[in-house]
């Protein structure tokens, strides 16, 4: 409850400028690395499938070998509720001299938008083995060295132990090109975007946009120039977190389900004449498949 006592300095004329009454916010970032979809349910469930294996050679007049597709695991994404409220006494609004209190209700939207960005980025921040709890179909953290293939013993990695570097990105791009599906078929996937924290902006621009290889002699061509689109994210928990996203499409993407977009309610308490504003939303962010992302961290 905002009362007159809490804002006594705003009850008398004399202040020339109010600093911090409104901030310029960044555009939402989560749609850059999550597939955003609406939902009408309390939870959304996805299922992993594996198609047919590689065709095998047969001898003359031999029966044709038949194979079955593989049905994998399901992954449920349960909606979570987020809310924030504001209550102001009638006296505080009546006496405040600068028109600041009426604008506070609009800042509820800013607070909610920040919460959505933090929750969305958590898919990456908590997707590593160390302290991570964001897991996919296989029950492993999103970024792992040993993602198993359905129906066979082979494993694949989508994590790099180290900071962003020229060599690290070469390794990631090569791994993307060699990626196979659960039945061993080559996946047609191309890495397209590099996501990174602000502390690495100058390094990333140097690696991806220089004509010549950074740190090489003047005749070395920069083979990474233009290979990945750099995208800065402001909600990564640490400067050493980075990841590359491929172009496999929506079925392999990370998820953001918007069950109830932010909605405002307001009313005046008839007993006290205080004004109450609330903003609430339901959504969830998570991961199913791992094949479309490749993460890096100093200690994954």
C-alpha atoms as a PDB file:
ATOM      1  CA  UNK A   1       0.000   0.000   0.000  1.00  0.00           C
ATOM      2  CA  UNK A   2       1.379   3.386  -1.026  1.00  0.00           C
ATOM      3  CA  UNK A   3       0.516   5.881   1.706  1.00  0.00           C
ATOM      4  CA  UNK A   4       1.115   9.584   2.157  1.00  0.00           C
ATOM      5  CA  UNK A   5       3.811   8.849   4.708  1.00  0.00           C
ATOM      6  CA  UNK A   6       5.837   6.871   2.185  1.00  0.00           C
ATOM      7  CA  UNK A   7       5.836   9.655  -0.399  1.00  0.00           C
ATOM      8  CA  UNK A   8       5.855  12.695   1.879  1.00  0.00           C
ATOM      9  CA  UNK A   9       8.517  14.402  -0.253  1.00  0.00           C
ATOM     10  CA  UNK A  10       6.071  14.367  -3.188  1.00  0.00           C
ATOM     11  CA  UNK A  11       3.274  16.085  -1.305  1.00  0.00           C
ATOM     12  CA  UNK A  12       4.765  19.580  -1.528  1.00  0.00           C
ATOM     13  CA  UNK A  13       5.875  21.618  -4.562  1.00  0.00           C
ATOM     14  CA  UNK A  14       9.593  22.238  -5.003  1.00  0.00           C
ATOM     15  CA  UNK A  15      11.068  19.265  -6.871  1.00  0.00           C
ATOM     16  CA  UNK A  16      12.113  20.131 -10.390  1.00  0.00           C
ATOM     17  CA  UNK A  17      12.836  16.707 -11.926  1.00  0.00           C
ATOM     18  CA  UNK A  18      11.690  13.203 -11.033  1.00  0.00           C
ATOM     19  CA  UNK A  19      14.388  10.720 -12.064  1.00  0.00           C
ATOM     20  CA  UNK A  20      13.374   7.114 -12.639  1.00  0.00           C
ATOM     21  CA  UNK A  21       9.658   7.589 -13.163  1.00  0.00           C
ATOM     22  CA  UNK A  22       9.862   5.758 -16.479  1.00  0.00           C
ATOM     23  CA  UNK A  23      12.542   3.675 -18.184  1.00  0.00           C
ATOM     24  CA  UNK A  24      13.156   2.974 -21.849  1.00  0.00           C
ATOM     25  CA  UNK A  25      12.859  -0.795 -22.167  1.00  0.00           C
ATOM     26  CA  UNK A  26      14.564  -3.074 -24.641  1.00  0.00           C
ATOM     27  CA  UNK A  27      12.494  -4.985 -27.144  1.00  0.00           C
ATOM     28  CA  UNK A  28      11.614  -8.516 -25.978  1.00  0.00           C
ATOM     29  CA  UNK A  29      14.387 -10.977 -26.799  1.00  0.00           C
ATOM     30  CA  UNK A  30      12.894 -14.402 -26.112  1.00  0.00           C
ATOM     31  CA  UNK A  31      11.301 -14.801 -29.553  1.00  0.00           C
ATOM     32  CA  UNK A  32      14.811 -14.748 -31.047  1.00  0.00           C
ATOM     33  CA  UNK A  33      15.651 -18.173 -29.612  1.00  0.00           C
ATOM     34  CA  UNK A  34      12.319 -19.689 -28.510  1.00  0.00           C
ATOM     35  CA  UNK A  35       9.394 -20.789 -30.627  1.00  0.00           C
ATOM     36  CA  UNK A  36       6.476 -18.725 -29.275  1.00  0.00           C
ATOM     37  CA  UNK A  37       2.980 -20.191 -29.480  1.00  0.00           C
ATOM     38  CA  UNK A  38      -0.361 -19.604 -27.804  1.00  0.00           C
ATOM     39  CA  UNK A  39      -2.021 -22.260 -25.657  1.00  0.00           C
ATOM     40  CA  UNK A  40      -5.511 -23.036 -24.404  1.00  0.00           C
ATOM     41  CA  UNK A  41      -4.560 -25.742 -21.916  1.00  0.00           C
ATOM     42  CA  UNK A  42      -3.110 -26.148 -18.441  1.00  0.00           C
ATOM     43  CA  UNK A  43      -0.143 -27.958 -19.957  1.00  0.00           C
ATOM     44  CA  UNK A  44       1.238 -28.733 -23.395  1.00  0.00           C
ATOM     45  CA  UNK A  45       2.669 -32.189 -24.115  1.00  0.00           C
ATOM     46  CA  UNK A  46       5.033 -33.051 -26.962  1.00  0.00           C
ATOM     47  CA  UNK A  47       6.176 -36.454 -28.234  1.00  0.00           C
ATOM     48  CA  UNK A  48       9.492 -37.520 -29.767  1.00  0.00           C
ATOM     49  CA  UNK A  49       9.493 -39.911 -32.736  1.00  0.00           C
ATOM     50  CA  UNK A  50      12.161 -41.617 -34.812  1.00  0.00           C
ATOM     51  CA  UNK A  51      11.448 -42.530 -38.425  1.00  0.00           C
ATOM     52  CA  UNK A  52      12.931 -45.360 -40.450  1.00  0.00           C
ATOM     53  CA  UNK A  53      16.623 -46.321 -40.591  1.00  0.00           C
ATOM     54  CA  UNK A  54      18.927 -46.316 -43.605  1.00  0.00           C
ATOM     55  CA  UNK A  55      17.954 -48.788 -46.323  1.00  0.00           C
ATOM     56  CA  UNK A  56      19.960 -52.025 -46.278  1.00  0.00           C
ATOM     57  CA  UNK A  57      21.363 -54.110 -49.091  1.00  0.00           C
ATOM     58  CA  UNK A  58      19.519 -57.303 -50.041  1.00  0.00           C
ATOM     59  CA  UNK A  59      20.569 -60.312 -52.034  1.00  0.00           C
ATOM     60  CA  UNK A  60      18.852 -61.524 -55.159  1.00  0.00           C
ATOM     61  CA  UNK A  61      15.360 -62.810 -54.379  1.00  0.00           C
ATOM     62  CA  UNK A  62      15.874 -62.248 -50.632  1.00  0.00           C
ATOM     63  CA  UNK A  63      12.895 -61.040 -48.611  1.00  0.00           C
ATOM     64  CA  UNK A  64      12.882 -57.300 -48.079  1.00  0.00           C
ATOM     65  CA  UNK A  65      13.714 -56.418 -44.507  1.00  0.00           C
ATOM     66  CA  UNK A  66      11.091 -54.330 -42.773  1.00  0.00           C
ATOM     67  CA  UNK A  67      11.659 -51.873 -39.969  1.00  0.00           C
ATOM     68  CA  UNK A  68       9.412 -50.140 -37.471  1.00  0.00           C
ATOM     69  CA  UNK A  69       9.486 -46.486 -36.473  1.00  0.00           C
ATOM     70  CA  UNK A  70      10.310 -45.750 -32.834  1.00  0.00           C
ATOM     71  CA  UNK A  71       8.005 -43.921 -30.447  1.00  0.00           C
ATOM     72  CA  UNK A  72      10.033 -42.086 -27.827  1.00  0.00           C
ATOM     73  CA  UNK A  73       9.192 -40.135 -24.705  1.00  0.00           C
ATOM     74  CA  UNK A  74       6.759 -37.331 -24.011  1.00  0.00           C
ATOM     75  CA  UNK A  75       7.597 -34.007 -22.423  1.00  0.00           C
ATOM     76  CA  UNK A  76       4.975 -31.916 -20.618  1.00  0.00           C
ATOM     77  CA  UNK A  77       5.151 -28.146 -20.168  1.00  0.00           C
ATOM     78  CA  UNK A  78       2.898 -27.038 -17.299  1.00  0.00           C
ATOM     79  CA  UNK A  79       1.753 -23.436 -17.243  1.00  0.00           C
ATOM     80  CA  UNK A  80       3.019 -21.174 -14.459  1.00  0.00           C
ATOM     81  CA  UNK A  81       1.303 -18.089 -13.078  1.00  0.00           C
ATOM     82  CA  UNK A  82       3.005 -14.727 -12.567  1.00  0.00           C
ATOM     83  CA  UNK A  83       1.472 -11.575 -11.129  1.00  0.00           C
ATOM     84  CA  UNK A  84       2.241  -8.186  -9.606  1.00  0.00           C
ATOM     85  CA  UNK A  85       0.005  -5.664  -7.877  1.00  0.00           C
ATOM     86  CA  UNK A  86      -0.071  -2.070  -6.682  1.00  0.00           C
ATOM     87  CA  UNK A  87      -2.326  -0.399  -4.119  1.00  0.00           C
ATOM     88  CA  UNK A  88      -2.433   3.334  -3.375  1.00  0.00           C
ATOM     89  CA  UNK A  89      -4.378   5.097  -0.654  1.00  0.00           C
ATOM     90  CA  UNK A  90      -6.886   7.718  -1.726  1.00  0.00           C
ATOM     91  CA  UNK A  91      -5.090  10.355   0.312  1.00  0.00           C
ATOM     92  CA  UNK A  92      -1.702   9.691  -1.336  1.00  0.00           C
ATOM     93  CA  UNK A  93      -3.149  10.030  -4.825  1.00  0.00           C
ATOM     94  CA  UNK A  94      -5.187  13.081  -3.829  1.00  0.00           C
ATOM     95  CA  UNK A  95      -2.217  14.945  -2.341  1.00  0.00           C
ATOM     96  CA  UNK A  96       0.679  13.938  -4.591  1.00  0.00           C
ATOM     97  CA  UNK A  97       1.790  17.028  -6.544  1.00  0.00           C
ATOM     98  CA  UNK A  98       3.664  15.656  -9.551  1.00  0.00           C
ATOM     99  CA  UNK A  99       1.351  13.148 -11.217  1.00  0.00           C
ATOM    100  CA  UNK A 100       3.749  10.282 -10.573  1.00  0.00           C
ATOM    101  CA  UNK A 101       1.418   7.892  -8.756  1.00  0.00           C
ATOM    102  CA  UNK A 102      -1.098   7.574 -11.612  1.00  0.00           C
ATOM    103  CA  UNK A 103       1.751   6.503 -13.915  1.00  0.00           C
ATOM    104  CA  UNK A 104       2.880   3.692 -11.597  1.00  0.00           C
ATOM    105  CA  UNK A 105       0.166   1.363 -12.849  1.00  0.00           C
ATOM    106  CA  UNK A 106       1.763   1.443 -16.302  1.00  0.00           C
ATOM    107  CA  UNK A 107       5.013   0.159 -14.795  1.00  0.00           C
ATOM    108  CA  UNK A 108       3.293  -3.098 -13.900  1.00  0.00           C
ATOM    109  CA  UNK A 109       3.621  -4.008 -17.568  1.00  0.00           C
ATOM    110  CA  UNK A 110       7.358  -3.317 -17.478  1.00  0.00           C
ATOM    111  CA  UNK A 111       7.742  -5.577 -14.457  1.00  0.00           C
ATOM    112  CA  UNK A 112       5.845  -8.389 -16.134  1.00  0.00           C
ATOM    113  CA  UNK A 113       7.817  -8.075 -19.343  1.00  0.00           C
ATOM    114  CA  UNK A 114      11.040  -8.361 -17.373  1.00  0.00           C
ATOM    115  CA  UNK A 115       9.752 -11.509 -15.642  1.00  0.00           C
ATOM    116  CA  UNK A 116       8.921 -13.107 -18.996  1.00  0.00           C
ATOM    117  CA  UNK A 117      12.406 -12.412 -20.343  1.00  0.00           C
ATOM    118  CA  UNK A 118      14.091 -13.823 -17.239  1.00  0.00           C
ATOM    119  CA  UNK A 119      11.919 -16.955 -17.322  1.00  0.00           C
ATOM    120  CA  UNK A 120      12.567 -17.459 -21.034  1.00  0.00           C
ATOM    121  CA  UNK A 121      16.339 -17.089 -20.637  1.00  0.00           C
ATOM    122  CA  UNK A 122      16.249 -19.657 -17.843  1.00  0.00           C
ATOM    123  CA  UNK A 123      15.895 -22.351 -20.515  1.00  0.00           C
ATOM    124  CA  UNK A 124      19.476 -21.558 -21.505  1.00  0.00           C
ATOM    125  CA  UNK A 125      20.893 -20.516 -18.133  1.00  0.00           C
ATOM    126  CA  UNK A 126      19.751 -23.733 -16.455  1.00  0.00           C
ATOM    127  CA  UNK A 127      20.313 -25.980 -19.447  1.00  0.00           C
ATOM    128  CA  UNK A 128      23.893 -26.925 -18.538  1.00  0.00           C
ATOM    129  CA  UNK A 129      24.975 -29.915 -16.469  1.00  0.00           C
ATOM    130  CA  UNK A 130      26.374 -27.846 -13.580  1.00  0.00           C
ATOM    131  CA  UNK A 131      23.336 -26.697 -11.601  1.00  0.00           C
ATOM    132  CA  UNK A 132      20.972 -27.238 -14.515  1.00  0.00           C
ATOM    133  CA  UNK A 133      17.415 -28.559 -14.341  1.00  0.00           C
ATOM    134  CA  UNK A 134      16.084 -27.819 -17.844  1.00  0.00           C
ATOM    135  CA  UNK A 135      15.820 -31.249 -19.437  1.00  0.00           C
ATOM    136  CA  UNK A 136      14.541 -32.629 -22.711  1.00  0.00           C
ATOM    137  CA  UNK A 137      12.935 -35.824 -23.961  1.00  0.00           C
ATOM    138  CA  UNK A 138      15.943 -37.928 -22.938  1.00  0.00           C
ATOM    139  CA  UNK A 139      15.940 -36.766 -19.319  1.00  0.00           C
ATOM    140  CA  UNK A 140      19.335 -35.078 -19.711  1.00  0.00           C
ATOM    141  CA  UNK A 141      20.052 -31.380 -19.425  1.00  0.00           C
ATOM    142  CA  UNK A 142      19.475 -29.455 -22.643  1.00  0.00           C
ATOM    143  CA  UNK A 143      23.226 -29.221 -23.273  1.00  0.00           C
ATOM    144  CA  UNK A 144      25.012 -32.555 -22.831  1.00  0.00           C
ATOM    145  CA  UNK A 145      27.901 -34.634 -24.136  1.00  0.00           C
ATOM    146  CA  UNK A 146      25.896 -37.872 -24.246  1.00  0.00           C
ATOM    147  CA  UNK A 147      22.451 -37.393 -25.778  1.00  0.00           C
ATOM    148  CA  UNK A 148      21.387 -40.959 -26.686  1.00  0.00           C
ATOM    149  CA  UNK A 149      19.786 -42.030 -29.927  1.00  0.00           C
ATOM    150  CA  UNK A 150      16.466 -43.876 -29.711  1.00  0.00           C
ATOM    151  CA  UNK A 151      16.862 -47.578 -30.328  1.00  0.00           C
ATOM    152  CA  UNK A 152      20.664 -47.614 -30.555  1.00  0.00           C
ATOM    153  CA  UNK A 153      23.675 -47.024 -28.326  1.00  0.00           C
ATOM    154  CA  UNK A 154      25.161 -44.049 -30.176  1.00  0.00           C
ATOM    155  CA  UNK A 155      25.377 -40.685 -28.407  1.00  0.00           C
ATOM    156  CA  UNK A 156      25.892 -37.145 -29.647  1.00  0.00           C
ATOM    157  CA  UNK A 157      27.026 -33.927 -27.992  1.00  0.00           C
ATOM    158  CA  UNK A 158      25.686 -30.391 -28.143  1.00  0.00           C
ATOM    159  CA  UNK A 159      27.906 -28.664 -25.586  1.00  0.00           C
ATOM    160  CA  UNK A 160      31.361 -27.073 -25.759  1.00  0.00           C
ATOM    161  CA  UNK A 161      33.490 -26.610 -22.645  1.00  0.00           C
ATOM    162  CA  UNK A 162      35.032 -23.199 -23.214  1.00  0.00           C
ATOM    163  CA  UNK A 163      34.552 -19.553 -24.041  1.00  0.00           C
ATOM    164  CA  UNK A 164      33.630 -18.141 -27.443  1.00  0.00           C
ATOM    165  CA  UNK A 165      36.584 -18.352 -29.801  1.00  0.00           C
ATOM    166  CA  UNK A 166      37.348 -18.853 -33.457  1.00  0.00           C
ATOM    167  CA  UNK A 167      38.180 -22.516 -32.846  1.00  0.00           C
ATOM    168  CA  UNK A 168      35.111 -23.100 -30.660  1.00  0.00           C
ATOM    169  CA  UNK A 169      32.759 -21.889 -33.376  1.00  0.00           C
ATOM    170  CA  UNK A 170      34.522 -24.015 -35.975  1.00  0.00           C
ATOM    171  CA  UNK A 171      33.952 -27.066 -33.774  1.00  0.00           C
ATOM    172  CA  UNK A 172      30.271 -26.250 -33.267  1.00  0.00           C
ATOM    173  CA  UNK A 173      29.606 -25.648 -36.971  1.00  0.00           C
ATOM    174  CA  UNK A 174      31.342 -28.903 -37.895  1.00  0.00           C
ATOM    175  CA  UNK A 175      29.326 -30.835 -35.307  1.00  0.00           C
ATOM    176  CA  UNK A 176      26.103 -29.393 -36.711  1.00  0.00           C
ATOM    177  CA  UNK A 177      27.088 -30.542 -40.210  1.00  0.00           C
ATOM    178  CA  UNK A 178      27.792 -34.079 -38.940  1.00  0.00           C
ATOM    179  CA  UNK A 179      24.594 -34.413 -36.905  1.00  0.00           C
ATOM    180  CA  UNK A 180      22.503 -37.543 -37.457  1.00  0.00           C
ATOM    181  CA  UNK A 181      18.972 -38.404 -36.416  1.00  0.00           C
ATOM    182  CA  UNK A 182      17.935 -41.247 -34.101  1.00  0.00           C
ATOM    183  CA  UNK A 183      18.156 -43.796 -36.917  1.00  0.00           C
ATOM    184  CA  UNK A 184      21.541 -42.642 -38.185  1.00  0.00           C
ATOM    185  CA  UNK A 185      20.403 -40.550 -41.163  1.00  0.00           C
ATOM    186  CA  UNK A 186      22.272 -37.299 -41.783  1.00  0.00           C
ATOM    187  CA  UNK A 187      20.212 -34.352 -40.584  1.00  0.00           C
ATOM    188  CA  UNK A 188      19.871 -31.402 -42.907  1.00  0.00           C
ATOM    189  CA  UNK A 189      20.662 -28.685 -40.374  1.00  0.00           C
ATOM    190  CA  UNK A 190      22.560 -25.444 -40.820  1.00  0.00           C
ATOM    191  CA  UNK A 191      23.731 -23.321 -37.853  1.00  0.00           C
ATOM    192  CA  UNK A 192      22.435 -19.793 -38.332  1.00  0.00           C
ATOM    193  CA  UNK A 193      22.671 -17.641 -35.159  1.00  0.00           C
ATOM    194  CA  UNK A 194      25.161 -17.095 -32.346  1.00  0.00           C
ATOM    195  CA  UNK A 195      23.707 -15.833 -29.065  1.00  0.00           C
ATOM    196  CA  UNK A 196      26.004 -14.256 -26.499  1.00  0.00           C
ATOM    197  CA  UNK A 197      26.203 -11.929 -23.484  1.00  0.00           C
ATOM    198  CA  UNK A 198      27.031  -8.186 -23.804  1.00  0.00           C
ATOM    199  CA  UNK A 199      30.550  -8.711 -22.406  1.00  0.00           C
ATOM    200  CA  UNK A 200      31.481 -10.637 -25.578  1.00  0.00           C
ATOM    201  CA  UNK A 201      30.059  -8.222 -28.139  1.00  0.00           C
ATOM    202  CA  UNK A 202      33.349  -6.817 -29.407  1.00  0.00           C
ATOM    203  CA  UNK A 203      34.921 -10.284 -29.586  1.00  0.00           C
ATOM    204  CA  UNK A 204      31.948 -11.700 -31.499  1.00  0.00           C
ATOM    205  CA  UNK A 205      31.906  -8.820 -33.975  1.00  0.00           C
ATOM    206  CA  UNK A 206      35.617  -9.326 -34.575  1.00  0.00           C
ATOM    207  CA  UNK A 207      35.249 -13.072 -35.143  1.00  0.00           C
ATOM    208  CA  UNK A 208      32.174 -12.984 -37.384  1.00  0.00           C
ATOM    209  CA  UNK A 209      32.581  -9.740 -39.310  1.00  0.00           C
ATOM    210  CA  UNK A 210      36.293  -9.257 -39.914  1.00  0.00           C
ATOM    211  CA  UNK A 211      37.435  -9.877 -43.486  1.00  0.00           C
ATOM    212  CA  UNK A 212      40.694 -11.397 -42.276  1.00  0.00           C
ATOM    213  CA  UNK A 213      41.086 -14.078 -39.612  1.00  0.00           C
ATOM    214  CA  UNK A 214      41.403 -12.438 -36.185  1.00  0.00           C
ATOM    215  CA  UNK A 215      44.916 -12.954 -34.808  1.00  0.00           C
ATOM    216  CA  UNK A 216      46.230 -14.414 -38.091  1.00  0.00           C
ATOM    217  CA  UNK A 217      48.531 -12.912 -40.663  1.00  0.00           C
ATOM    218  CA  UNK A 218      47.200 -10.501 -43.245  1.00  0.00           C
ATOM    219  CA  UNK A 219      46.735 -13.227 -45.864  1.00  0.00           C
ATOM    220  CA  UNK A 220      44.506 -15.478 -43.716  1.00  0.00           C
ATOM    221  CA  UNK A 221      40.884 -15.388 -44.868  1.00  0.00           C
ATOM    222  CA  UNK A 222      38.251 -15.283 -42.108  1.00  0.00           C
ATOM    223  CA  UNK A 223      36.281 -18.425 -42.917  1.00  0.00           C
ATOM    224  CA  UNK A 224      33.669 -17.529 -40.266  1.00  0.00           C
ATOM    225  CA  UNK A 225      32.747 -14.175 -41.786  1.00  0.00           C
ATOM    226  CA  UNK A 226      28.993 -14.174 -42.382  1.00  0.00           C
ATOM    227  CA  UNK A 227      28.521 -17.792 -41.263  1.00  0.00           C
ATOM    228  CA  UNK A 228      26.455 -16.901 -38.187  1.00  0.00           C
ATOM    229  CA  UNK A 229      24.186 -13.993 -37.330  1.00  0.00           C
ATOM    230  CA  UNK A 230      25.295 -12.455 -34.012  1.00  0.00           C
ATOM    231  CA  UNK A 231      22.475 -11.852 -31.502  1.00  0.00           C
ATOM    232  CA  UNK A 232      23.169 -10.243 -28.123  1.00  0.00           C
ATOM    233  CA  UNK A 233      21.060 -11.411 -25.176  1.00  0.00           C
ATOM    234  CA  UNK A 234      20.851  -9.389 -21.961  1.00  0.00           C
ATOM    235  CA  UNK A 235      19.384 -12.067 -19.692  1.00  0.00           C
ATOM    236  CA  UNK A 236      22.115 -14.694 -19.731  1.00  0.00           C
ATOM    237  CA  UNK A 237      23.291 -15.348 -16.177  1.00  0.00           C
ATOM    238  CA  UNK A 238      26.999 -15.258 -16.965  1.00  0.00           C
ATOM    239  CA  UNK A 239      29.302 -13.734 -19.569  1.00  0.00           C
ATOM    240  CA  UNK A 240      30.720 -17.148 -20.478  1.00  0.00           C
ATOM    241  CA  UNK A 241      27.352 -18.569 -21.603  1.00  0.00           C
ATOM    242  CA  UNK A 242      26.781 -18.688 -25.361  1.00  0.00           C
ATOM    243  CA  UNK A 243      24.943 -20.909 -27.813  1.00  0.00           C
ATOM    244  CA  UNK A 244      24.338 -21.478 -31.509  1.00  0.00           C
ATOM    245  CA  UNK A 245      20.905 -22.149 -33.012  1.00  0.00           C
ATOM    246  CA  UNK A 246      20.210 -24.086 -36.201  1.00  0.00           C
ATOM    247  CA  UNK A 247      17.468 -24.040 -38.822  1.00  0.00           C
ATOM    248  CA  UNK A 248      15.730 -27.363 -38.132  1.00  0.00           C
ATOM    249  CA  UNK A 249      12.421 -25.596 -37.669  1.00  0.00           C
ATOM    250  CA  UNK A 250       9.643 -25.343 -35.105  1.00  0.00           C
ATOM    251  CA  UNK A 251       9.361 -29.029 -34.194  1.00  0.00           C
ATOM    252  CA  UNK A 252      12.940 -29.002 -32.850  1.00  0.00           C
ATOM    253  CA  UNK A 253      12.835 -25.512 -31.332  1.00  0.00           C
ATOM    254  CA  UNK A 254      12.895 -24.508 -27.687  1.00  0.00           C
ATOM    255  CA  UNK A 255       9.431 -23.609 -26.408  1.00  0.00           C
ATOM    256  CA  UNK A 256       7.502 -20.650 -25.054  1.00  0.00           C
ATOM    257  CA  UNK A 257       3.773 -21.287 -24.560  1.00  0.00           C
ATOM    258  CA  UNK A 258       1.678 -18.212 -23.829  1.00  0.00           C
ATOM    259  CA  UNK A 259      -1.450 -19.423 -22.012  1.00  0.00           C
ATOM    260  CA  UNK A 260      -2.768 -16.030 -20.814  1.00  0.00           C
ATOM    261  CA  UNK A 261      -1.080 -12.859 -22.063  1.00  0.00           C
ATOM    262  CA  UNK A 262      -0.564 -10.133 -19.433  1.00  0.00           C
ATOM    263  CA  UNK A 263      -3.967  -8.740 -18.406  1.00  0.00           C
ATOM    264  CA  UNK A 264      -4.671  -5.781 -16.132  1.00  0.00           C
ATOM    265  CA  UNK A 265      -7.463  -5.462 -13.572  1.00  0.00           C
ATOM    266  CA  UNK A 266      -8.185  -2.441 -11.417  1.00  0.00           C
ATOM    267  CA  UNK A 267     -10.777  -1.402  -8.850  1.00  0.00           C
ATOM    268  CA  UNK A 268     -11.380   1.102  -6.084  1.00  0.00           C
ATOM    269  CA  UNK A 269     -12.021  -0.234  -2.591  1.00  0.00           C
ATOM    270  CA  UNK A 270     -15.354   1.379  -1.589  1.00  0.00           C
ATOM    271  CA  UNK A 271     -14.497   1.169   2.108  1.00  0.00           C
ATOM    272  CA  UNK A 272     -11.199   3.076   1.898  1.00  0.00           C
ATOM    273  CA  UNK A 273     -11.280   4.579  -1.631  1.00  0.00           C
ATOM    274  CA  UNK A 274      -7.813   3.136  -2.207  1.00  0.00           C
ATOM    275  CA  UNK A 275      -6.951   2.188  -5.807  1.00  0.00           C
ATOM    276  CA  UNK A 276      -5.805  -1.354  -6.593  1.00  0.00           C
ATOM    277  CA  UNK A 277      -4.123  -2.477  -9.821  1.00  0.00           C
ATOM    278  CA  UNK A 278      -3.097  -6.035 -10.640  1.00  0.00           C
ATOM    279  CA  UNK A 279      -1.419  -7.604 -13.645  1.00  0.00           C
ATOM    280  CA  UNK A 280      -1.295 -11.359 -14.180  1.00  0.00           C
ATOM    281  CA  UNK A 281      -0.116 -13.781 -16.840  1.00  0.00           C
ATOM    282  CA  UNK A 282       0.313 -17.537 -17.376  1.00  0.00           C
ATOM    283  CA  UNK A 283       3.035 -19.000 -19.545  1.00  0.00           C
ATOM    284  CA  UNK A 284       5.860 -21.528 -19.584  1.00  0.00           C
ATOM    285  CA  UNK A 285       9.241 -21.815 -21.289  1.00  0.00           C
ATOM    286  CA  UNK A 286      11.088 -25.095 -21.726  1.00  0.00           C
ATOM    287  CA  UNK A 287      12.932 -27.548 -23.936  1.00  0.00           C
ATOM    288  CA  UNK A 288      12.073 -30.805 -25.686  1.00  0.00           C
ATOM    289  CA  UNK A 289      14.616 -31.625 -28.375  1.00  0.00           C
ATOM    290  CA  UNK A 290      18.305 -30.736 -28.186  1.00  0.00           C
ATOM    291  CA  UNK A 291      19.326 -31.121 -31.841  1.00  0.00           C
ATOM    292  CA  UNK A 292      18.747 -27.493 -32.892  1.00  0.00           C
ATOM    293  CA  UNK A 293      20.977 -25.828 -30.283  1.00  0.00           C
ATOM    294  CA  UNK A 294      24.614 -26.128 -29.237  1.00  0.00           C
ATOM    295  CA  UNK A 295      25.701 -24.462 -26.003  1.00  0.00           C
ATOM    296  CA  UNK A 296      29.023 -23.293 -24.688  1.00  0.00           C
ATOM    297  CA  UNK A 297      30.264 -22.398 -21.220  1.00  0.00           C
ATOM    298  CA  UNK A 298      33.607 -22.363 -19.436  1.00  0.00           C
ATOM    299  CA  UNK A 299      32.438 -25.144 -17.100  1.00  0.00           C
ATOM    300  CA  UNK A 300      29.283 -26.707 -18.564  1.00  0.00           C
END
